[in-house]
PDB file of N, CA and C in Angstrom:
ATOM      1  N   MET A   1     127.765 150.765  29.488  1.00  0.00           N
ATOM      2  CA  MET A   1     126.382 150.812  30.158  1.00  0.00           C
ATOM      3  C   MET A   1     125.951 150.006  31.275  1.00  0.00           C
ATOM      4  N   ALA A   2     125.992 150.136  32.070  1.00  0.00           N
ATOM      5  CA  ALA A   2     125.329 148.833  33.023  1.00  0.00           C
ATOM      6  C   ALA A   2     123.845 148.377  32.677  1.00  0.00           C
ATOM      7  N   ASP A   3     123.754 147.471  32.547  1.00  0.00           N
ATOM      8  CA  ASP A   3     122.313 146.697  32.176  1.00  0.00           C
ATOM      9  C   ASP A   3     120.862 147.010  33.127  1.00  0.00           C
ATOM     10  N   SER A   4     120.479 147.585  32.662  1.00  0.00           N
ATOM     11  CA  SER A   4     118.946 148.209  33.328  1.00  0.00           C
ATOM     12  C   SER A   4     117.864 146.973  33.608  1.00  0.00           C
ATOM     13  N   LYS A   5     117.620 146.489  34.450  1.00  0.00           N
ATOM     14  CA  LYS A   5     116.483 145.513  34.952  1.00  0.00           C
ATOM     15  C   LYS A   5     115.435 146.545  35.557  1.00  0.00           C
ATOM     16  N   THR A   6     114.265 145.762  34.888  1.00  0.00           N
ATOM     17  CA  THR A   6     112.904 146.272  35.812  1.00  0.00           C
ATOM     18  C   THR A   6     112.903 144.679  36.561  1.00  0.00           C
ATOM     19  N   ILE A   7     112.128 145.335  37.341  1.00  0.00           N
ATOM     20  CA  ILE A   7     111.795 144.232  38.074  1.00  0.00           C
ATOM     21  C   ILE A   7     110.276 144.404  38.824  1.00  0.00           C
ATOM     22  N   THR A   8     109.479 143.499  39.068  1.00  0.00           N
ATOM     23  CA  THR A   8     108.022 144.032  38.892  1.00  0.00           C
ATOM     24  C   THR A   8     107.103 143.480  40.204  1.00  0.00           C
ATOM     25  N   ASN A   9     106.625 144.032  40.789  1.00  0.00           N
ATOM     26  CA  ASN A   9     106.016 143.251  41.905  1.00  0.00           C
ATOM     27  C   ASN A   9     104.170 143.403  41.898  1.00  0.00           C
ATOM     28  N   THR A  10     103.549 142.098  41.978  1.00  0.00           N
ATOM     29  CA  THR A  10     102.486 143.133  42.067  1.00  0.00           C
ATOM     30  C   THR A  10     101.556 142.421  43.582  1.00  0.00           C
ATOM     31  N   ILE A  11     100.704 143.149  44.177  1.00  0.00           N
ATOM     32  CA  ILE A  11     100.305 143.114  44.948  1.00  0.00           C
ATOM     33  C   ILE A  11      98.661 143.141  44.804  1.00  0.00           C
ATOM     34  N   THR A  12      97.749 142.275  45.980  1.00  0.00           N
ATOM     35  CA  THR A  12      96.724 142.638  45.392  1.00  0.00           C
ATOM     36  C   THR A  12      95.793 143.168  46.264  1.00  0.00           C
ATOM     37  N   LEU A  13      94.709 144.177  46.315  1.00  0.00           N
ATOM     38  CA  LEU A  13      94.320 144.441  48.079  1.00  0.00           C
ATOM     39  C   LEU A  13      92.974 144.618  47.323  1.00  0.00           C
ATOM     40  N   ASN A  14      92.031 144.671  48.454  1.00  0.00           N
ATOM     41  CA  ASN A  14      90.780 144.772  48.641  1.00  0.00           C
ATOM     42  C   ASN A  14      90.463 146.027  48.695  1.00  0.00           C
ATOM     43  N   THR A  15      88.913 146.105  48.759  1.00  0.00           N
ATOM     44  CA  THR A  15      88.611 147.545  48.546  1.00  0.00           C
ATOM     45  C   THR A  15      88.864 148.569  49.954  1.00  0.00           C
ATOM     46  N   VAL A  16      89.227 147.741  51.157  1.00  0.00           N
ATOM     47  CA  VAL A  16      89.136 148.872  52.185  1.00  0.00           C
ATOM     48  C   VAL A  16      90.889 148.819  52.220  1.00  0.00           C
ATOM     49  N   GLN A  17      92.008 147.764  52.086  1.00  0.00           N
ATOM     50  CA  GLN A  17      93.149 148.221  52.037  1.00  0.00           C
ATOM     51  C   GLN A  17      93.295 148.735  50.789  1.00  0.00           C
ATOM     52  N   THR A  18      92.625 149.270  49.374  1.00  0.00           N
ATOM     53  CA  THR A  18      93.153 150.010  48.918  1.00  0.00           C
ATOM     54  C   THR A  18      92.725 151.100  49.279  1.00  0.00           C
ATOM     55  N   GLN A  19      91.822 151.864  50.427  1.00  0.00           N
ATOM     56  CA  GLN A  19      91.215 153.050  50.412  1.00  0.00           C
ATOM     57  C   GLN A  19      92.301 153.273  51.251  1.00  0.00           C
ATOM     58  N   ALA A  20      92.603 152.852  52.461  1.00  0.00           N
ATOM     59  CA  ALA A  20      93.673 152.716  53.597  1.00  0.00           C
ATOM     60  C   ALA A  20      95.165 153.330  52.881  1.00  0.00           C
ATOM     61  N   VAL A  21      95.095 152.469  51.739  1.00  0.00           N
ATOM     62  CA  VAL A  21      96.774 152.978  51.238  1.00  0.00           C
ATOM     63  C   VAL A  21      96.679 154.138  50.528  1.00  0.00           C
ATOM     64  N   LEU A  22      95.500 154.535  49.511  1.00  0.00           N
ATOM     65  CA  LEU A  22      95.207 155.989  48.812  1.00  0.00           C
ATOM     66  C   LEU A  22      95.151 157.077  50.218  1.00  0.00           C
ATOM     67  N   SER A  23      94.523 156.581  51.342  1.00  0.00           N
ATOM     68  CA  SER A  23      94.619 157.500  52.652  1.00  0.00           C
ATOM     69  C   SER A  23      95.488 158.165  52.718  1.00  0.00           C
ATOM     70  N   ALA A  24      96.706 156.669  52.662  1.00  0.00           N
ATOM     71  CA  ALA A  24      98.091 156.886  53.341  1.00  0.00           C
ATOM     72  C   ALA A  24      98.867 157.695  52.667  1.00  0.00           C
ATOM     73  N   ILE A  25      98.669 157.688  51.154  1.00  0.00           N
ATOM     74  CA  ILE A  25      99.292 158.330  50.451  1.00  0.00           C
ATOM     75  C   ILE A  25      99.318 159.253  50.112  1.00  0.00           C
ATOM     76  N   ASN A  26      97.684 160.431  50.507  1.00  0.00           N
ATOM     77  CA  ASN A  26      97.380 161.344  49.850  1.00  0.00           C
ATOM     78  C   ASN A  26      97.750 162.188  51.606  1.00  0.00           C
ATOM     79  N   GLY A  27      98.076 161.435  53.272  1.00  0.00           N
ATOM     80  CA  GLY A  27      98.403 162.062  53.491  1.00  0.00           C
ATOM     81  C   GLY A  27      99.944 162.434  53.653  1.00  0.00           C
ATOM     82  N   ALA A  28     100.573 162.022  52.890  1.00  0.00           N
ATOM     83  CA  ALA A  28     101.843 161.852  52.659  1.00  0.00           C
ATOM     84  C   ALA A  28     102.095 163.268  51.707  1.00  0.00           C
ATOM     85  N   LEU A  29     101.596 162.985  50.604  1.00  0.00           N
ATOM     86  CA  LEU A  29     101.445 164.236  49.824  1.00  0.00           C
ATOM     87  C   LEU A  29     100.869 165.305  50.343  1.00  0.00           C
ATOM     88  N   GLU A  30      99.876 165.516  51.125  1.00  0.00           N
ATOM     89  CA  GLU A  30      99.748 166.725  51.583  1.00  0.00           C
ATOM     90  C   GLU A  30     101.205 167.473  52.540  1.00  0.00           C
ATOM     91  N   ASP A  31     101.767 166.189  52.930  1.00  0.00           N
ATOM     92  CA  ASP A  31     102.632 166.664  54.304  1.00  0.00           C
ATOM     93  C   ASP A  31     104.082 167.177  53.201  1.00  0.00           C
ATOM     94  N   TYR A  32     104.239 166.464  51.870  1.00  0.00           N
ATOM     95  CA  TYR A  32     105.227 167.077  50.757  1.00  0.00           C
ATOM     96  C   TYR A  32     104.488 168.193  50.169  1.00  0.00           C
ATOM     97  N   TYR A  33     103.772 168.327  49.956  1.00  0.00           N
ATOM     98  CA  TYR A  33     103.428 169.445  49.381  1.00  0.00           C
ATOM     99  C   TYR A  33     103.040 171.387  50.461  1.00  0.00           C
ATOM    100  N   ASN A  34     103.169 170.472  51.734  1.00  0.00           N
ATOM    101  CA  ASN A  34     103.457 171.760  52.523  1.00  0.00           C
ATOM    102  C   ASN A  34     104.595 172.121  52.623  1.00  0.00           C
ATOM    103  N   GLU A  35     105.329 171.494  52.941  1.00  0.00           N
ATOM    104  CA  GLU A  35     106.927 171.506  52.934  1.00  0.00           C
ATOM    105  C   GLU A  35     107.582 172.605  51.708  1.00  0.00           C
ATOM    106  N   ILE A  36     107.360 171.615  50.434  1.00  0.00           N
ATOM    107  CA  ILE A  36     107.556 172.105  49.591  1.00  0.00           C
ATOM    108  C   ILE A  36     107.247 173.585  49.117  1.00  0.00           C
ATOM    109  N   ARG A  37     106.141 173.894  49.694  1.00  0.00           N
ATOM    110  CA  ARG A  37     105.828 175.490  49.649  1.00  0.00           C
ATOM    111  C   ARG A  37     106.354 175.882  50.078  1.00  0.00           C
ATOM    112  N   HIS A  38     107.021 175.320  51.408  1.00  0.00           N
ATOM    113  CA  HIS A  38     107.934 176.359  52.568  1.00  0.00           C
ATOM    114  C   HIS A  38     109.331 176.368  52.067  1.00  0.00           C
ATOM    115  N   THR A  39     110.154 175.538  51.379  1.00  0.00           N
ATOM    116  CA  THR A  39     111.433 176.038  51.192  1.00  0.00           C
ATOM    117  C   THR A  39     111.741 176.163  49.746  1.00  0.00           C
ATOM    118  N   ASP A  40     112.987 177.395  50.307  1.00  0.00           N
ATOM    119  CA  ASP A  40     113.453 177.842  49.181  1.00  0.00           C
ATOM    120  C   ASP A  40     113.778 177.267  47.756  1.00  0.00           C
ATOM    121  N   ALA A  41     113.377 177.184  46.835  1.00  0.00           N
ATOM    122  CA  ALA A  41     114.000 176.698  45.423  1.00  0.00           C
ATOM    123  C   ALA A  41     115.263 176.848  45.370  1.00  0.00           C
ATOM    124  N   GLU A  42     115.592 178.044  45.323  1.00  0.00           N
ATOM    125  CA  GLU A  42     116.984 178.639  45.179  1.00  0.00           C
ATOM    126  C   GLU A  42     118.206 178.147  46.451  1.00  0.00           C
ATOM    127  N   ALA A  43     117.899 178.256  47.567  1.00  0.00           N
ATOM    128  CA  ALA A  43     118.607 178.100  48.466  1.00  0.00           C
ATOM    129  C   ALA A  43     118.746 176.916  48.704  1.00  0.00           C
ATOM    130  N   ASN A  44     117.527 175.905  48.313  1.00  0.00           N
ATOM    131  CA  ASN A  44     117.689 174.348  49.050  1.00  0.00           C
ATOM    132  C   ASN A  44     117.472 173.804  47.689  1.00  0.00           C
ATOM    133  N   SER A  45     117.936 174.099  46.801  1.00  0.00           N
ATOM    134  CA  SER A  45     117.669 173.436  45.473  1.00  0.00           C
ATOM    135  C   SER A  45     117.826 171.732  45.518  1.00  0.00           C
ATOM    136  N   GLU A  46     119.020 171.212  46.501  1.00  0.00           N
ATOM    137  CA  GLU A  46     119.024 170.053  46.370  1.00  0.00           C
ATOM    138  C   GLU A  46     117.604 169.638  46.965  1.00  0.00           C
ATOM    139  N   ALA A  47     117.590 169.844  48.865  1.00  0.00           N
ATOM    140  CA  ALA A  47     116.211 169.150  49.045  1.00  0.00           C
ATOM    141  C   ALA A  47     115.399 169.372  48.375  1.00  0.00           C
ATOM    142  N   TYR A  48     115.143 170.763  47.849  1.00  0.00           N
ATOM    143  CA  TYR A  48     113.400 171.140  47.135  1.00  0.00           C
ATOM    144  C   TYR A  48     113.663 169.814  45.882  1.00  0.00           C
ATOM    145  N   CYS A  49     114.219 169.896  44.979  1.00  0.00           N
ATOM    146  CA  CYS A  49     114.435 168.720  44.224  1.00  0.00           C
ATOM    147  C   CYS A  49     113.992 167.172  44.505  1.00  0.00           C
ATOM    148  N   SER A  50     114.839 166.679  45.662  1.00  0.00           N
ATOM    149  CA  SER A  50     114.381 165.459  46.309  1.00  0.00           C
ATOM    150  C   SER A  50     113.005 165.549  47.018  1.00  0.00           C
ATOM    151  N   MET A  51     112.519 166.594  47.046  1.00  0.00           N
ATOM    152  CA  MET A  51     110.734 166.276  47.938  1.00  0.00           C
ATOM    153  C   MET A  51     110.084 166.492  46.597  1.00  0.00           C
ATOM    154  N   MET A  52     110.494 167.296  45.064  1.00  0.00           N
ATOM    155  CA  MET A  52     109.845 167.041  44.088  1.00  0.00           C
ATOM    156  C   MET A  52     109.632 165.941  43.374  1.00  0.00           C
ATOM    157  N   ASP A  53     110.784 165.366  43.548  1.00  0.00           N
ATOM    158  CA  ASP A  53     110.943 164.071  43.037  1.00  0.00           C
ATOM    159  C   ASP A  53     109.973 163.113  43.626  1.00  0.00           C
ATOM    160  N   THR A  54     110.187 163.203  45.329  1.00  0.00           N
ATOM    161  CA  THR A  54     109.283 161.840  46.089  1.00  0.00           C
ATOM    162  C   THR A  54     107.577 162.193  46.037  1.00  0.00           C
ATOM    163  N   PHE A  55     107.307 163.613  45.731  1.00  0.00           N
ATOM    164  CA  PHE A  55     105.818 163.874  45.394  1.00  0.00           C
ATOM    165  C   PHE A  55     105.087 163.362  44.405  1.00  0.00           C
ATOM    166  N   GLU A  56     106.379 163.394  43.261  1.00  0.00           N
ATOM    167  CA  GLU A  56     105.637 162.958  42.008  1.00  0.00           C
ATOM    168  C   GLU A  56     106.084 161.428  41.655  1.00  0.00           C
ATOM    169  N   GLN A  57     106.867 160.860  42.560  1.00  0.00           N
ATOM    170  CA  GLN A  57     106.619 159.166  42.855  1.00  0.00           C
ATOM    171  C   GLN A  57     105.274 159.123  43.248  1.00  0.00           C
ATOM    172  N   LEU A  58     104.920 159.834  44.929  1.00  0.00           N
ATOM    173  CA  LEU A  58     103.647 158.801  45.733  1.00  0.00           C
ATOM    174  C   LEU A  58     102.540 159.087  44.397  1.00  0.00           C
ATOM    175  N   ALA A  59     102.367 160.844  43.929  1.00  0.00           N
ATOM    176  CA  ALA A  59     101.355 161.402  42.896  1.00  0.00           C
ATOM    177  C   ALA A  59     101.252 159.788  41.955  1.00  0.00           C
ATOM    178  N   GLY A  60     102.125 159.209  40.860  1.00  0.00           N
ATOM    179  CA  GLY A  60     102.206 157.932  40.140  1.00  0.00           C
ATOM    180  C   GLY A  60     101.722 157.046  40.719  1.00  0.00           C
ATOM    181  N   VAL A  61     102.435 156.759  42.065  1.00  0.00           N
ATOM    182  CA  VAL A  61     101.734 155.140  42.550  1.00  0.00           C
ATOM    183  C   VAL A  61     100.269 155.815  42.801  1.00  0.00           C
ATOM    184  N   LYS A  62      99.903 157.002  43.153  1.00  0.00           N
ATOM    185  CA  LYS A  62      98.294 157.074  44.474  1.00  0.00           C
ATOM    186  C   LYS A  62      97.857 156.848  42.501  1.00  0.00           C
ATOM    187  N   ALA A  63      97.907 157.361  41.046  1.00  0.00           N
ATOM    188  CA  ALA A  63      97.614 156.989  40.151  1.00  0.00           C
ATOM    189  C   ALA A  63      97.635 155.605  39.358  1.00  0.00           C
ATOM    190  N   LEU A  64      98.231 154.793  39.891  1.00  0.00           N
ATOM    191  CA  LEU A  64      98.288 153.274  39.504  1.00  0.00           C
ATOM    192  C   LEU A  64      97.281 152.431  40.229  1.00  0.00           C
ATOM    193  N   ILE A  65      97.378 152.960  41.593  1.00  0.00           N
ATOM    194  CA  ILE A  65      96.261 152.453  42.347  1.00  0.00           C
ATOM    195  C   ILE A  65      95.089 152.885  42.184  1.00  0.00           C
ATOM    196  N   GLU A  66      94.760 153.824  41.673  1.00  0.00           N
ATOM    197  CA  GLU A  66      93.394 154.578  41.205  1.00  0.00           C
ATOM    198  C   GLU A  66      93.204 154.004  39.849  1.00  0.00           C
ATOM    199  N   ALA A  67      93.861 153.835  39.135  1.00  0.00           N
ATOM    200  CA  ALA A  67      93.245 153.031  37.684  1.00  0.00           C
ATOM    201  C   ALA A  67      93.084 151.561  37.793  1.00  0.00           C
ATOM    202  N   GLN A  68      93.865 150.702  38.851  1.00  0.00           N
ATOM    203  CA  GLN A  68      93.733 149.429  39.414  1.00  0.00           C
ATOM    204  C   GLN A  68      92.547 149.247  39.864  1.00  0.00           C
ATOM    205  N   ALA A  69      92.242 150.084  40.712  1.00  0.00           N
ATOM    206  CA  ALA A  69      90.943 149.822  41.137  1.00  0.00           C
ATOM    207  C   ALA A  69      89.765 150.268  40.192  1.00  0.00           C
ATOM    208  N   ALA A  70      89.978 151.296  39.385  1.00  0.00           N
ATOM    209  CA  ALA A  70      88.968 151.536  38.619  1.00  0.00           C
ATOM    210  C   ALA A  70      88.736 150.588  37.794  1.00  0.00           C
ATOM    211  N   GLN A  71      89.724 149.396  37.580  1.00  0.00           N
ATOM    212  CA  GLN A  71      89.041 148.252  37.010  1.00  0.00           C
ATOM    213  C   GLN A  71      88.435 147.367  37.213  1.00  0.00           C
ATOM    214  N   HIS A  72      88.346 147.152  38.422  1.00  0.00           N
ATOM    215  CA  HIS A  72      87.692 145.908  39.407  1.00  0.00           C
ATOM    216  C   HIS A  72      86.228 146.458  39.845  1.00  0.00           C
TER     217      HIS A  72
END
């Protein structure tokens, strides 16, 4: 089994930067949501799964940024 390494990168954003990043993520989430709604999960299962994975990753990043912003 290959070794698994976790890489952690930290960035510091001011309030304006945080809002800009969250706005961009919200736009991407909306785009993915609309594409997912129009994708036949049965016929395009690989594409559907890929879009769902990306959607979930973006939602996770958004939640992390919002949690971090709430602490400040």
